[in-house]
N, C-alpha and C. Protein backbone atom coordinates (compact mmCIF):
# COMPACT_ATOMS: atom_id res chain seq x y z
N UNK A 1 74.71 -157.92 75.06
CA UNK A 1 74.47 -159.07 74.17
C UNK A 1 75.79 -159.79 73.92
N UNK A 2 75.83 -161.10 73.90
CA UNK A 2 77.07 -161.87 73.74
C UNK A 2 76.92 -162.83 72.59
N UNK A 3 78.06 -163.28 72.08
CA UNK A 3 78.06 -164.26 71.01
C UNK A 3 77.77 -165.62 71.59
N UNK A 4 76.89 -166.37 70.95
CA UNK A 4 76.56 -167.71 71.43
C UNK A 4 77.54 -168.69 70.81
N UNK A 5 78.41 -169.33 71.64
CA UNK A 5 79.45 -170.24 71.14
C UNK A 5 78.97 -171.67 71.06
N UNK A 6 77.83 -171.99 71.71
CA UNK A 6 77.37 -173.37 71.72
C UNK A 6 76.42 -173.69 70.57
N UNK A 7 76.17 -172.76 69.72
CA UNK A 7 75.30 -173.01 68.56
C UNK A 7 75.87 -172.33 67.34
N UNK A 8 75.26 -172.61 66.23
CA UNK A 8 75.73 -172.04 64.96
C UNK A 8 75.14 -170.67 64.70
N UNK A 9 74.31 -170.16 65.61
CA UNK A 9 73.68 -168.86 65.44
C UNK A 9 74.46 -167.81 66.21
N UNK A 10 74.89 -166.75 65.57
CA UNK A 10 75.65 -165.69 66.22
C UNK A 10 74.76 -164.47 66.38
N UNK A 11 74.76 -163.87 67.53
CA UNK A 11 74.03 -162.64 67.79
C UNK A 11 74.98 -161.47 67.62
N UNK A 12 74.61 -160.52 66.80
CA UNK A 12 75.49 -159.38 66.52
C UNK A 12 75.59 -158.52 67.77
N UNK A 13 76.79 -158.22 68.20
CA UNK A 13 76.97 -157.40 69.40
C UNK A 13 76.34 -156.02 69.23
N UNK A 14 75.86 -155.46 70.33
CA UNK A 14 75.25 -154.13 70.29
C UNK A 14 76.27 -153.03 70.13
N UNK A 15 77.56 -153.36 70.19
CA UNK A 15 78.60 -152.34 70.05
C UNK A 15 78.86 -151.96 68.60
N UNK A 16 78.13 -152.65 67.65
CA UNK A 16 78.36 -152.31 66.25
C UNK A 16 77.68 -151.01 65.93
N UNK A 17 78.31 -150.24 65.08
CA UNK A 17 77.73 -148.97 64.65
C UNK A 17 77.56 -148.98 63.15
N UNK A 18 76.54 -148.27 62.70
CA UNK A 18 76.22 -148.20 61.27
C UNK A 18 76.78 -146.90 60.69
N UNK A 19 77.63 -147.04 59.68
CA UNK A 19 78.22 -145.86 59.05
C UNK A 19 78.06 -145.98 57.56
N UNK A 20 77.81 -144.87 56.86
CA UNK A 20 77.65 -144.92 55.39
C UNK A 20 78.99 -145.07 54.71
N UNK A 21 79.02 -145.84 53.63
CA UNK A 21 80.23 -146.01 52.87
C UNK A 21 79.87 -146.21 51.40
N UNK A 22 80.26 -145.23 50.57
CA UNK A 22 80.05 -145.36 49.14
C UNK A 22 78.60 -145.50 48.75
N UNK A 23 77.70 -144.87 49.48
CA UNK A 23 76.29 -144.94 49.12
C UNK A 23 75.61 -146.15 49.72
N UNK A 24 76.34 -147.06 50.40
CA UNK A 24 75.73 -148.22 51.03
C UNK A 24 75.89 -148.08 52.52
N UNK A 25 75.15 -148.88 53.26
CA UNK A 25 75.26 -148.85 54.72
C UNK A 25 76.20 -149.97 55.14
N UNK A 26 77.34 -149.62 55.73
CA UNK A 26 78.34 -150.60 56.13
C UNK A 26 78.28 -150.79 57.64
N UNK A 27 78.20 -152.03 58.08
CA UNK A 27 78.19 -152.32 59.51
C UNK A 27 79.62 -152.58 59.95
N UNK A 28 80.10 -151.80 60.94
CA UNK A 28 81.46 -151.93 61.44
C UNK A 28 81.46 -152.03 62.96
N UNK A 29 82.44 -152.70 63.46
CA UNK A 29 82.63 -152.68 64.91
C UNK A 29 83.34 -151.40 65.28
N UNK A 30 83.41 -151.12 66.56
CA UNK A 30 84.06 -149.89 67.00
C UNK A 30 85.55 -149.91 66.68
N UNK A 31 86.12 -151.12 66.45
CA UNK A 31 87.54 -151.19 66.10
C UNK A 31 87.78 -150.87 64.64
N UNK A 32 86.65 -150.70 63.89
CA UNK A 32 86.80 -150.33 62.48
C UNK A 32 86.77 -151.50 61.54
N UNK A 33 86.57 -152.71 62.05
CA UNK A 33 86.56 -153.89 61.19
C UNK A 33 85.22 -154.00 60.47
N UNK A 34 85.26 -154.11 59.18
CA UNK A 34 84.03 -154.18 58.41
C UNK A 34 83.44 -155.58 58.49
N UNK A 35 82.14 -155.64 58.76
CA UNK A 35 81.47 -156.93 58.89
C UNK A 35 80.50 -157.21 57.75
N UNK A 36 80.36 -156.30 56.84
CA UNK A 36 79.45 -156.55 55.71
C UNK A 36 78.73 -155.28 55.30
N UNK A 37 78.08 -155.37 54.20
CA UNK A 37 77.38 -154.21 53.63
C UNK A 37 75.91 -154.53 53.44
N UNK A 38 75.10 -153.54 53.68
CA UNK A 38 73.67 -153.64 53.43
C UNK A 38 73.28 -152.56 52.44
N UNK A 39 72.99 -152.93 51.20
CA UNK A 39 72.63 -151.91 50.20
C UNK A 39 71.41 -151.12 50.65
N UNK A 40 71.41 -149.82 50.40
CA UNK A 40 70.28 -149.00 50.82
C UNK A 40 69.02 -149.35 50.05
N UNK A 41 67.89 -149.28 50.72
CA UNK A 41 66.60 -149.52 50.10
C UNK A 41 65.91 -148.18 49.90
N UNK A 42 65.61 -147.85 48.67
CA UNK A 42 64.99 -146.57 48.37
C UNK A 42 63.55 -146.79 47.93
N UNK A 43 62.63 -146.18 48.64
CA UNK A 43 61.21 -146.24 48.25
C UNK A 43 60.94 -145.10 47.28
N UNK A 44 60.53 -145.46 46.11
CA UNK A 44 60.29 -144.43 45.10
C UNK A 44 58.92 -144.62 44.49
N UNK A 45 58.23 -143.52 44.31
CA UNK A 45 56.92 -143.56 43.68
C UNK A 45 57.02 -143.26 42.19
N UNK A 46 58.27 -143.10 41.70
CA UNK A 46 58.43 -142.76 40.29
C UNK A 46 58.00 -143.94 39.43
N UNK A 47 57.30 -143.66 38.40
CA UNK A 47 56.87 -144.67 37.45
C UNK A 47 57.19 -144.14 36.07
N UNK A 48 58.05 -144.84 35.34
CA UNK A 48 58.47 -144.33 34.05
C UNK A 48 57.32 -144.04 33.12
N UNK A 49 56.37 -144.98 33.11
CA UNK A 49 55.22 -144.79 32.23
C UNK A 49 54.37 -143.61 32.68
N UNK A 50 54.13 -143.55 33.99
CA UNK A 50 53.31 -142.46 34.52
C UNK A 50 53.95 -141.11 34.29
N UNK A 51 55.27 -141.04 34.48
CA UNK A 51 55.98 -139.78 34.27
C UNK A 51 55.90 -139.35 32.82
N UNK A 52 55.96 -140.32 31.88
CA UNK A 52 55.88 -139.99 30.47
C UNK A 52 54.55 -139.39 30.09
N UNK A 53 53.47 -140.01 30.59
CA UNK A 53 52.12 -139.50 30.31
C UNK A 53 51.94 -138.13 30.94
N UNK A 54 52.41 -137.98 32.18
CA UNK A 54 52.28 -136.70 32.88
C UNK A 54 53.04 -135.61 32.15
N UNK A 55 54.22 -135.95 31.62
CA UNK A 55 55.02 -134.96 30.90
C UNK A 55 54.31 -134.49 29.63
N UNK A 56 53.71 -135.44 28.91
CA UNK A 56 52.98 -135.07 27.68
C UNK A 56 51.79 -134.19 28.02
N UNK A 57 51.06 -134.54 29.07
CA UNK A 57 49.89 -133.75 29.47
C UNK A 57 50.29 -132.35 29.90
N UNK A 58 51.43 -132.25 30.59
CA UNK A 58 51.90 -130.93 31.02
C UNK A 58 52.21 -130.04 29.81
N UNK A 59 52.69 -130.65 28.73
CA UNK A 59 53.03 -129.87 27.54
C UNK A 59 51.79 -129.35 26.82
N UNK A 60 50.65 -130.00 27.02
CA UNK A 60 49.42 -129.56 26.36
C UNK A 60 48.71 -128.46 27.15
N UNK A 61 49.15 -128.20 28.35
CA UNK A 61 48.47 -127.25 29.23
C UNK A 61 48.74 -125.82 28.81
N UNK A 62 47.68 -125.04 28.74
CA UNK A 62 47.79 -123.62 28.43
C UNK A 62 47.05 -122.85 29.52
N UNK A 63 47.76 -122.02 30.23
CA UNK A 63 47.16 -121.28 31.34
C UNK A 63 46.29 -120.12 30.81
N UNK A 64 45.07 -120.08 31.28
CA UNK A 64 44.15 -118.99 30.92
C UNK A 64 43.86 -118.20 32.19
N UNK A 65 44.32 -116.96 32.22
CA UNK A 65 44.17 -116.14 33.42
C UNK A 65 42.91 -115.28 33.32
N UNK A 66 42.56 -114.71 34.44
CA UNK A 66 41.40 -113.80 34.48
C UNK A 66 41.63 -112.60 33.56
N UNK A 67 42.87 -112.12 33.51
CA UNK A 67 43.21 -110.99 32.65
C UNK A 67 43.02 -111.35 31.18
N UNK A 68 43.39 -112.59 30.80
CA UNK A 68 43.21 -113.03 29.42
C UNK A 68 41.73 -113.03 29.04
N UNK A 69 40.90 -113.53 29.96
CA UNK A 69 39.47 -113.61 29.68
C UNK A 69 38.86 -112.22 29.55
N UNK A 70 39.24 -111.32 30.46
CA UNK A 70 38.70 -109.96 30.41
C UNK A 70 39.13 -109.25 29.14
N UNK A 71 40.35 -109.47 28.70
CA UNK A 71 40.84 -108.84 27.47
C UNK A 71 40.07 -109.35 26.27
N UNK A 72 39.88 -110.66 26.19
CA UNK A 72 39.13 -111.23 25.07
C UNK A 72 37.67 -110.78 25.09
N UNK A 73 37.12 -110.67 26.28
CA UNK A 73 35.74 -110.23 26.43
C UNK A 73 35.56 -108.80 25.94
N UNK A 74 36.57 -107.97 26.14
CA UNK A 74 36.49 -106.57 25.72
C UNK A 74 36.78 -106.38 24.23
N UNK A 75 37.63 -107.25 23.65
CA UNK A 75 38.09 -107.03 22.28
C UNK A 75 37.35 -107.89 21.25
N UNK A 76 36.87 -109.05 21.65
CA UNK A 76 36.23 -109.97 20.71
C UNK A 76 34.78 -109.55 20.48
N UNK A 77 34.45 -109.26 19.23
CA UNK A 77 33.10 -108.80 18.90
C UNK A 77 32.04 -109.85 19.20
N UNK A 78 32.39 -111.12 19.06
CA UNK A 78 31.42 -112.18 19.31
C UNK A 78 31.06 -112.30 20.78
N UNK A 79 31.88 -111.70 21.65
CA UNK A 79 31.59 -111.73 23.09
C UNK A 79 30.73 -110.54 23.51
N UNK A 80 30.54 -109.58 22.62
CA UNK A 80 29.76 -108.39 22.96
C UNK A 80 28.27 -108.55 22.64
N UNK A 81 27.96 -109.55 21.81
CA UNK A 81 26.57 -109.76 21.42
C UNK A 81 26.41 -111.22 20.98
N UNK A 82 25.32 -111.86 21.39
CA UNK A 82 25.09 -113.24 21.00
C UNK A 82 24.65 -113.31 19.55
N UNK A 83 24.56 -114.55 19.02
CA UNK A 83 24.16 -114.72 17.63
C UNK A 83 22.71 -114.25 17.41
N UNK A 84 21.94 -114.18 18.48
CA UNK A 84 20.56 -113.72 18.38
C UNK A 84 20.43 -112.23 18.68
N UNK A 85 21.55 -111.56 18.90
CA UNK A 85 21.54 -110.12 19.12
C UNK A 85 21.46 -109.69 20.56
N UNK A 86 21.35 -110.64 21.50
CA UNK A 86 21.25 -110.29 22.92
C UNK A 86 22.62 -109.89 23.46
N UNK A 87 22.63 -108.88 24.32
CA UNK A 87 23.87 -108.39 24.93
C UNK A 87 24.08 -109.12 26.25
N UNK A 88 25.26 -109.75 26.44
CA UNK A 88 25.52 -110.45 27.70
C UNK A 88 25.44 -109.50 28.88
N UNK A 89 24.80 -109.96 29.96
CA UNK A 89 24.69 -109.14 31.17
C UNK A 89 24.99 -109.99 32.39
N UNK A 90 25.64 -109.41 33.36
CA UNK A 90 26.04 -110.11 34.56
C UNK A 90 24.81 -110.60 35.34
N UNK A 91 24.86 -111.85 35.75
CA UNK A 91 23.77 -112.42 36.53
C UNK A 91 22.62 -112.97 35.72
N UNK A 92 22.64 -112.78 34.40
CA UNK A 92 21.56 -113.28 33.55
C UNK A 92 21.70 -114.79 33.35
N UNK A 93 20.58 -115.44 33.06
CA UNK A 93 20.63 -116.86 32.76
C UNK A 93 21.32 -117.11 31.41
N UNK A 94 21.04 -116.19 30.46
CA UNK A 94 21.65 -116.28 29.14
C UNK A 94 21.38 -114.98 28.39
N UNK A 95 22.34 -114.45 27.67
CA UNK A 95 23.74 -114.86 27.64
C UNK A 95 24.52 -114.22 28.79
N UNK A 96 25.52 -114.93 29.26
CA UNK A 96 26.36 -114.42 30.34
C UNK A 96 27.69 -113.91 29.79
N UNK A 97 28.32 -112.96 30.47
CA UNK A 97 29.67 -112.55 30.06
C UNK A 97 30.64 -113.72 30.14
N UNK A 98 31.64 -113.68 29.33
CA UNK A 98 32.61 -114.78 29.28
C UNK A 98 33.25 -115.02 30.64
N UNK A 99 33.51 -113.97 31.39
CA UNK A 99 34.17 -114.10 32.69
C UNK A 99 33.33 -114.92 33.67
N UNK A 100 32.00 -114.94 33.47
CA UNK A 100 31.11 -115.68 34.36
C UNK A 100 30.85 -117.11 33.91
N UNK A 101 30.95 -117.38 32.65
CA UNK A 101 30.60 -118.72 32.16
C UNK A 101 31.81 -119.63 31.98
N UNK A 102 33.02 -119.06 32.01
CA UNK A 102 34.21 -119.89 31.83
C UNK A 102 34.53 -120.67 33.11
N UNK A 103 34.91 -121.95 33.01
CA UNK A 103 35.29 -122.72 34.20
C UNK A 103 36.48 -122.13 34.94
N UNK A 104 37.39 -121.47 34.21
CA UNK A 104 38.59 -120.91 34.86
C UNK A 104 38.25 -119.74 35.79
N UNK A 105 37.22 -118.99 35.47
CA UNK A 105 36.96 -117.76 36.21
C UNK A 105 35.54 -117.66 36.76
N UNK A 106 34.62 -118.48 36.27
CA UNK A 106 33.22 -118.35 36.66
C UNK A 106 32.72 -119.48 37.54
N UNK A 107 31.42 -119.65 37.51
CA UNK A 107 30.74 -120.66 38.32
C UNK A 107 31.04 -122.05 37.75
N UNK A 108 31.44 -122.97 38.62
CA UNK A 108 31.77 -124.33 38.18
C UNK A 108 30.71 -125.34 38.59
N UNK A 109 29.55 -124.89 38.95
CA UNK A 109 28.49 -125.83 39.33
C UNK A 109 27.99 -126.57 38.09
N UNK A 110 27.34 -127.70 38.33
CA UNK A 110 26.83 -128.50 37.22
C UNK A 110 25.82 -127.70 36.39
N UNK A 111 24.95 -126.96 37.08
CA UNK A 111 23.94 -126.17 36.38
C UNK A 111 24.57 -125.12 35.49
N UNK A 112 25.65 -124.49 35.97
CA UNK A 112 26.31 -123.45 35.19
C UNK A 112 27.03 -124.05 33.99
N UNK A 113 27.74 -125.14 34.20
CA UNK A 113 28.50 -125.77 33.11
C UNK A 113 27.59 -126.32 32.02
N UNK A 114 26.39 -126.79 32.42
CA UNK A 114 25.48 -127.41 31.47
C UNK A 114 24.38 -126.47 30.99
N UNK A 115 24.48 -125.20 31.31
CA UNK A 115 23.51 -124.23 30.81
C UNK A 115 23.72 -124.01 29.32
N UNK A 116 22.80 -123.28 28.68
CA UNK A 116 22.83 -123.12 27.23
C UNK A 116 24.16 -122.55 26.74
N UNK A 117 24.72 -121.59 27.47
CA UNK A 117 25.99 -120.99 27.06
C UNK A 117 27.17 -121.51 27.88
N UNK A 118 26.97 -122.62 28.59
CA UNK A 118 28.04 -123.20 29.39
C UNK A 118 29.04 -123.97 28.54
N UNK A 119 30.12 -124.39 29.17
CA UNK A 119 31.18 -125.09 28.43
C UNK A 119 30.83 -126.54 28.14
N UNK A 120 29.85 -127.09 28.85
CA UNK A 120 29.56 -128.51 28.73
C UNK A 120 28.81 -128.98 27.50
N UNK A 121 27.63 -128.42 27.18
CA UNK A 121 26.78 -129.01 26.14
C UNK A 121 27.44 -129.20 24.78
N UNK A 122 28.04 -128.14 24.24
CA UNK A 122 28.64 -128.28 22.91
C UNK A 122 29.83 -129.23 22.93
N UNK A 123 30.62 -129.16 23.99
CA UNK A 123 31.79 -130.04 24.09
C UNK A 123 31.37 -131.49 24.13
N UNK A 124 30.42 -131.83 24.99
CA UNK A 124 29.98 -133.22 25.13
C UNK A 124 29.25 -133.69 23.88
N UNK A 125 28.32 -132.88 23.37
CA UNK A 125 27.57 -133.28 22.17
C UNK A 125 28.49 -133.47 20.97
N UNK A 126 29.46 -132.56 20.82
CA UNK A 126 30.38 -132.68 19.69
C UNK A 126 31.20 -133.95 19.76
N UNK A 127 31.70 -134.28 20.95
CA UNK A 127 32.51 -135.50 21.10
C UNK A 127 31.67 -136.75 20.88
N UNK A 128 30.45 -136.73 21.41
CA UNK A 128 29.58 -137.90 21.24
C UNK A 128 29.23 -138.14 19.77
N UNK A 129 28.91 -137.07 19.06
CA UNK A 129 28.47 -137.27 17.69
C UNK A 129 29.64 -137.64 16.78
N UNK A 130 30.86 -137.19 17.11
CA UNK A 130 32.02 -137.61 16.32
C UNK A 130 32.25 -139.11 16.48
N UNK A 131 32.10 -139.61 17.70
CA UNK A 131 32.20 -141.05 17.91
C UNK A 131 31.02 -141.76 17.26
N UNK A 132 29.82 -141.16 17.38
CA UNK A 132 28.62 -141.78 16.84
C UNK A 132 28.64 -141.98 15.35
N UNK A 133 29.15 -141.00 14.63
CA UNK A 133 29.14 -141.12 13.17
C UNK A 133 30.17 -142.16 12.70
N UNK A 134 31.27 -142.29 13.42
CA UNK A 134 32.23 -143.36 13.11
C UNK A 134 31.64 -144.72 13.45
N UNK A 135 30.94 -144.79 14.56
CA UNK A 135 30.29 -146.02 14.98
C UNK A 135 29.23 -146.42 13.94
N UNK A 136 28.42 -145.45 13.51
CA UNK A 136 27.37 -145.74 12.51
C UNK A 136 27.99 -146.26 11.22
N UNK A 137 29.09 -145.65 10.79
CA UNK A 137 29.76 -146.09 9.57
C UNK A 137 30.22 -147.54 9.69
N UNK A 138 30.89 -147.86 10.80
CA UNK A 138 31.44 -149.21 10.97
C UNK A 138 30.33 -150.26 11.04
N UNK A 139 29.28 -149.99 11.83
CA UNK A 139 28.22 -150.98 12.01
C UNK A 139 27.37 -151.13 10.76
N UNK A 140 27.12 -150.03 10.07
CA UNK A 140 26.35 -150.13 8.83
C UNK A 140 27.09 -150.96 7.79
N UNK A 141 28.40 -150.79 7.73
CA UNK A 141 29.19 -151.57 6.77
C UNK A 141 29.19 -153.06 7.15
N UNK A 142 29.17 -153.35 8.44
CA UNK A 142 29.24 -154.74 8.88
C UNK A 142 27.89 -155.44 8.86
N UNK A 143 26.82 -154.72 9.23
CA UNK A 143 25.51 -155.36 9.41
C UNK A 143 24.47 -154.95 8.37
N UNK A 144 24.66 -153.83 7.70
CA UNK A 144 23.66 -153.35 6.76
C UNK A 144 22.44 -152.76 7.42
N UNK A 145 22.56 -152.37 8.71
CA UNK A 145 21.44 -151.78 9.44
C UNK A 145 21.56 -150.27 9.49
N UNK A 146 20.42 -149.58 9.43
CA UNK A 146 20.41 -148.13 9.59
C UNK A 146 20.68 -147.78 11.04
N UNK A 147 20.89 -146.51 11.32
CA UNK A 147 21.12 -146.07 12.70
C UNK A 147 19.93 -146.43 13.58
N UNK A 148 18.70 -146.19 13.09
CA UNK A 148 17.50 -146.50 13.87
C UNK A 148 17.41 -148.00 14.16
N UNK A 149 17.74 -148.82 13.19
CA UNK A 149 17.71 -150.28 13.40
C UNK A 149 18.77 -150.72 14.40
N UNK A 150 19.93 -150.07 14.36
CA UNK A 150 20.97 -150.40 15.33
C UNK A 150 20.51 -150.11 16.76
N UNK A 151 19.72 -149.04 16.91
CA UNK A 151 19.31 -148.62 18.25
C UNK A 151 18.11 -149.40 18.77
N UNK A 152 17.13 -149.67 17.89
CA UNK A 152 15.83 -150.13 18.38
C UNK A 152 15.43 -151.54 17.98
N UNK A 153 16.19 -152.22 17.14
CA UNK A 153 15.84 -153.58 16.77
C UNK A 153 15.98 -154.51 17.97
N UNK A 154 14.94 -155.30 18.30
CA UNK A 154 15.03 -156.24 19.43
C UNK A 154 16.24 -157.16 19.29
N UNK A 155 16.97 -157.32 20.37
CA UNK A 155 18.17 -158.15 20.35
C UNK A 155 19.44 -157.36 20.12
N UNK A 156 19.32 -156.13 19.64
CA UNK A 156 20.48 -155.27 19.47
C UNK A 156 20.76 -154.52 20.78
N UNK A 157 22.02 -154.19 20.99
CA UNK A 157 22.40 -153.45 22.20
C UNK A 157 22.86 -152.03 21.87
N UNK A 158 22.41 -151.54 20.71
CA UNK A 158 22.85 -150.22 20.27
C UNK A 158 22.46 -149.12 21.22
N UNK A 159 21.21 -149.13 21.69
CA UNK A 159 20.74 -148.08 22.59
C UNK A 159 21.48 -148.15 23.93
N UNK A 160 21.65 -149.37 24.44
CA UNK A 160 22.39 -149.54 25.70
C UNK A 160 23.83 -149.05 25.55
N UNK A 161 24.48 -149.43 24.46
CA UNK A 161 25.87 -149.00 24.24
C UNK A 161 25.97 -147.49 24.13
N UNK A 162 24.99 -146.88 23.44
CA UNK A 162 25.01 -145.43 23.30
C UNK A 162 24.89 -144.74 24.67
N UNK A 163 23.95 -145.21 25.49
CA UNK A 163 23.76 -144.59 26.81
C UNK A 163 25.00 -144.77 27.68
N UNK A 164 25.65 -145.92 27.59
CA UNK A 164 26.87 -146.16 28.37
C UNK A 164 27.99 -145.23 27.92
N UNK A 165 28.18 -145.11 26.61
CA UNK A 165 29.24 -144.24 26.08
C UNK A 165 28.94 -142.78 26.38
N UNK A 166 27.66 -142.40 26.32
CA UNK A 166 27.28 -141.01 26.61
C UNK A 166 27.63 -140.63 28.04
N UNK A 167 27.36 -141.51 28.98
CA UNK A 167 27.70 -141.23 30.38
C UNK A 167 29.22 -141.13 30.57
N UNK A 168 29.95 -142.02 29.92
CA UNK A 168 31.41 -142.00 30.03
C UNK A 168 32.00 -140.71 29.49
N UNK A 169 31.54 -140.29 28.32
CA UNK A 169 32.07 -139.07 27.71
C UNK A 169 31.65 -137.83 28.50
N UNK A 170 30.42 -137.83 29.01
CA UNK A 170 29.97 -136.69 29.81
C UNK A 170 30.81 -136.56 31.07
N UNK A 171 31.06 -137.67 31.72
CA UNK A 171 31.87 -137.65 32.95
C UNK A 171 33.30 -137.18 32.65
N UNK A 172 33.91 -137.77 31.62
CA UNK A 172 35.29 -137.42 31.28
C UNK A 172 35.42 -135.96 30.84
N UNK A 173 34.37 -135.40 30.26
CA UNK A 173 34.42 -134.01 29.81
C UNK A 173 34.18 -133.03 30.94
N UNK A 174 33.33 -133.42 31.90
CA UNK A 174 32.96 -132.49 32.98
C UNK A 174 33.99 -132.42 34.10
N UNK A 175 34.70 -133.52 34.35
CA UNK A 175 35.66 -133.53 35.47
C UNK A 175 36.70 -132.41 35.36
N UNK A 176 37.36 -132.22 34.20
CA UNK A 176 38.31 -131.09 34.11
C UNK A 176 37.63 -129.74 34.31
N UNK A 177 36.38 -129.61 33.86
CA UNK A 177 35.67 -128.33 34.00
C UNK A 177 35.38 -128.05 35.47
N UNK A 178 35.03 -129.07 36.23
CA UNK A 178 34.80 -128.88 37.67
C UNK A 178 36.08 -128.41 38.37
N UNK A 179 37.22 -128.76 37.78
CA UNK A 179 38.50 -128.37 38.35
C UNK A 179 39.00 -127.03 37.80
N UNK A 180 38.17 -126.35 37.00
CA UNK A 180 38.54 -125.04 36.49
C UNK A 180 39.33 -125.07 35.20
N UNK A 181 39.10 -126.07 34.36
CA UNK A 181 39.85 -126.19 33.11
C UNK A 181 38.88 -126.36 31.95
N UNK A 182 38.88 -125.42 31.04
CA UNK A 182 38.01 -125.51 29.86
C UNK A 182 38.76 -126.21 28.73
N UNK A 183 38.04 -126.66 27.67
CA UNK A 183 38.74 -127.27 26.53
C UNK A 183 39.78 -126.34 25.89
N UNK A 184 39.59 -125.02 26.03
CA UNK A 184 40.55 -124.07 25.44
C UNK A 184 41.91 -124.10 26.13
N UNK A 185 41.98 -124.70 27.30
CA UNK A 185 43.24 -124.69 28.05
C UNK A 185 44.15 -125.85 27.67
N UNK A 186 43.76 -126.63 26.66
CA UNK A 186 44.60 -127.74 26.20
C UNK A 186 44.78 -127.64 24.69
N UNK A 187 46.00 -127.85 24.24
CA UNK A 187 46.27 -127.89 22.80
C UNK A 187 47.56 -128.66 22.56
N UNK A 188 47.59 -129.39 21.46
CA UNK A 188 48.78 -130.13 21.08
C UNK A 188 48.84 -130.18 19.56
N UNK A 189 49.68 -129.35 18.98
CA UNK A 189 49.78 -129.29 17.53
C UNK A 189 48.44 -128.89 16.92
N UNK A 190 47.91 -129.72 16.00
CA UNK A 190 46.63 -129.38 15.36
C UNK A 190 45.43 -129.68 16.27
N UNK A 191 45.65 -130.36 17.39
CA UNK A 191 44.55 -130.71 18.28
C UNK A 191 44.27 -129.54 19.22
N UNK A 192 43.37 -128.68 18.78
CA UNK A 192 43.02 -127.48 19.54
C UNK A 192 41.52 -127.43 19.76
N UNK A 193 41.10 -126.64 20.75
CA UNK A 193 39.69 -126.56 21.09
C UNK A 193 38.86 -126.06 19.92
N UNK A 194 39.37 -125.06 19.20
CA UNK A 194 38.61 -124.51 18.07
C UNK A 194 38.42 -125.57 16.99
N UNK A 195 39.46 -126.35 16.71
CA UNK A 195 39.35 -127.42 15.71
C UNK A 195 38.34 -128.47 16.17
N UNK A 196 38.37 -128.78 17.46
CA UNK A 196 37.41 -129.76 17.99
C UNK A 196 35.98 -129.25 17.87
N UNK A 197 35.78 -127.97 18.16
CA UNK A 197 34.42 -127.41 18.06
C UNK A 197 33.90 -127.47 16.63
N UNK A 198 34.74 -127.09 15.67
CA UNK A 198 34.28 -127.10 14.28
C UNK A 198 34.07 -128.52 13.77
N UNK A 199 34.93 -129.44 14.17
CA UNK A 199 34.72 -130.84 13.80
C UNK A 199 33.44 -131.38 14.41
N UNK A 200 33.18 -131.01 15.67
CA UNK A 200 31.97 -131.45 16.33
C UNK A 200 30.73 -130.88 15.68
N UNK A 201 30.76 -129.59 15.32
CA UNK A 201 29.61 -128.97 14.65
C UNK A 201 29.35 -129.61 13.29
N UNK A 202 30.42 -129.86 12.54
CA UNK A 202 30.28 -130.51 11.24
C UNK A 202 29.71 -131.92 11.40
N UNK A 203 30.21 -132.64 12.40
CA UNK A 203 29.72 -134.00 12.65
C UNK A 203 28.25 -134.00 13.06
N UNK A 204 27.82 -132.99 13.84
CA UNK A 204 26.41 -132.91 14.24
C UNK A 204 25.52 -132.71 13.03
N UNK A 205 25.92 -131.82 12.13
CA UNK A 205 25.14 -131.62 10.90
C UNK A 205 25.14 -132.88 10.04
N UNK A 206 26.30 -133.52 9.93
CA UNK A 206 26.39 -134.74 9.13
C UNK A 206 25.56 -135.88 9.71
N UNK A 207 25.56 -136.00 11.03
CA UNK A 207 24.80 -137.08 11.65
C UNK A 207 23.30 -136.85 11.49
N UNK A 208 22.89 -135.58 11.62
CA UNK A 208 21.48 -135.25 11.41
C UNK A 208 21.06 -135.59 9.98
N UNK A 209 21.90 -135.22 9.02
CA UNK A 209 21.60 -135.54 7.62
C UNK A 209 21.55 -137.05 7.41
N UNK A 210 22.43 -137.78 8.06
CA UNK A 210 22.45 -139.24 7.95
C UNK A 210 21.14 -139.85 8.45
N UNK A 211 20.71 -139.43 9.63
CA UNK A 211 19.49 -139.98 10.23
C UNK A 211 18.26 -139.65 9.38
N UNK A 212 18.17 -138.40 8.92
CA UNK A 212 17.02 -137.99 8.11
C UNK A 212 16.99 -138.74 6.77
N UNK A 213 18.15 -138.87 6.14
CA UNK A 213 18.21 -139.59 4.85
C UNK A 213 17.77 -141.03 5.02
N UNK A 214 18.25 -141.68 6.09
CA UNK A 214 17.88 -143.08 6.31
C UNK A 214 16.41 -143.21 6.71
N UNK A 215 15.88 -142.19 7.38
CA UNK A 215 14.47 -142.24 7.76
C UNK A 215 13.56 -142.24 6.53
N UNK A 216 13.90 -141.44 5.54
CA UNK A 216 13.06 -141.33 4.35
C UNK A 216 13.34 -142.42 3.32
N UNK A 217 14.58 -142.88 3.24
CA UNK A 217 14.93 -143.88 2.22
C UNK A 217 14.88 -145.30 2.76
N UNK A 218 14.88 -145.45 4.08
CA UNK A 218 14.88 -146.78 4.72
C UNK A 218 16.10 -147.61 4.29
N UNK A 219 17.16 -146.91 3.94
CA UNK A 219 18.37 -147.58 3.46
C UNK A 219 19.58 -147.05 4.21
N UNK A 220 20.46 -147.95 4.69
CA UNK A 220 21.68 -147.49 5.35
C UNK A 220 22.62 -146.78 4.38
N UNK A 221 22.89 -145.53 4.63
CA UNK A 221 23.67 -144.72 3.70
C UNK A 221 25.06 -145.30 3.47
N UNK A 222 25.76 -145.65 4.54
CA UNK A 222 27.14 -146.11 4.40
C UNK A 222 27.22 -147.49 3.76
N UNK A 223 26.12 -148.23 3.74
CA UNK A 223 26.13 -149.55 3.12
C UNK A 223 25.97 -149.47 1.60
N UNK A 224 25.62 -148.28 1.11
CA UNK A 224 25.47 -148.08 -0.34
C UNK A 224 26.82 -147.78 -1.00
N UNK A 225 27.83 -147.55 -0.20
CA UNK A 225 29.13 -147.18 -0.74
C UNK A 225 29.86 -148.41 -1.29
């Protein structure tokens, strides 16, 4: 390759070699004369925001091993007998031993997760009803409608919104379980699985009381406040 002298365009000779200098790529001729620098281009997948979220999520992770489950199964009295007095037995539809029903160690199929003693039903129902009771409070205060009126009055989208939110929460709750992670494997300060379960159970009782009260009184409870 030669330099073109009859035009303003110069072709770089092939005798140039690329050598690193101070973290940059410096183009030099074989005589050592520097002809310029080309800063290195680094392709990085790092994302400050993504790394921050990932770091927080990693801190909430609690590893639950097979040994942990077996130990709890042997020592926890509530795992030796159901609330109805039935003794868990391997292969039974209900109640199953903890080692078989946990996503970390047991069957992760949809049928198993959503069975009566599976990890799915109480988790999903508790989360839905906690959102539902807050939703009922806000809408009753704004519109003066009972829960039933919010759902079934022509022109309202309450039932549609509920079904959409239910699918979203069910999906978001089941995905970690399919990957072998139960709600017990995450905790951050006061946000623990046990606290979530008790809040969900309390909310379910409260929501039931709300619906029954409004059914008999025909009056939105939160609008009376």
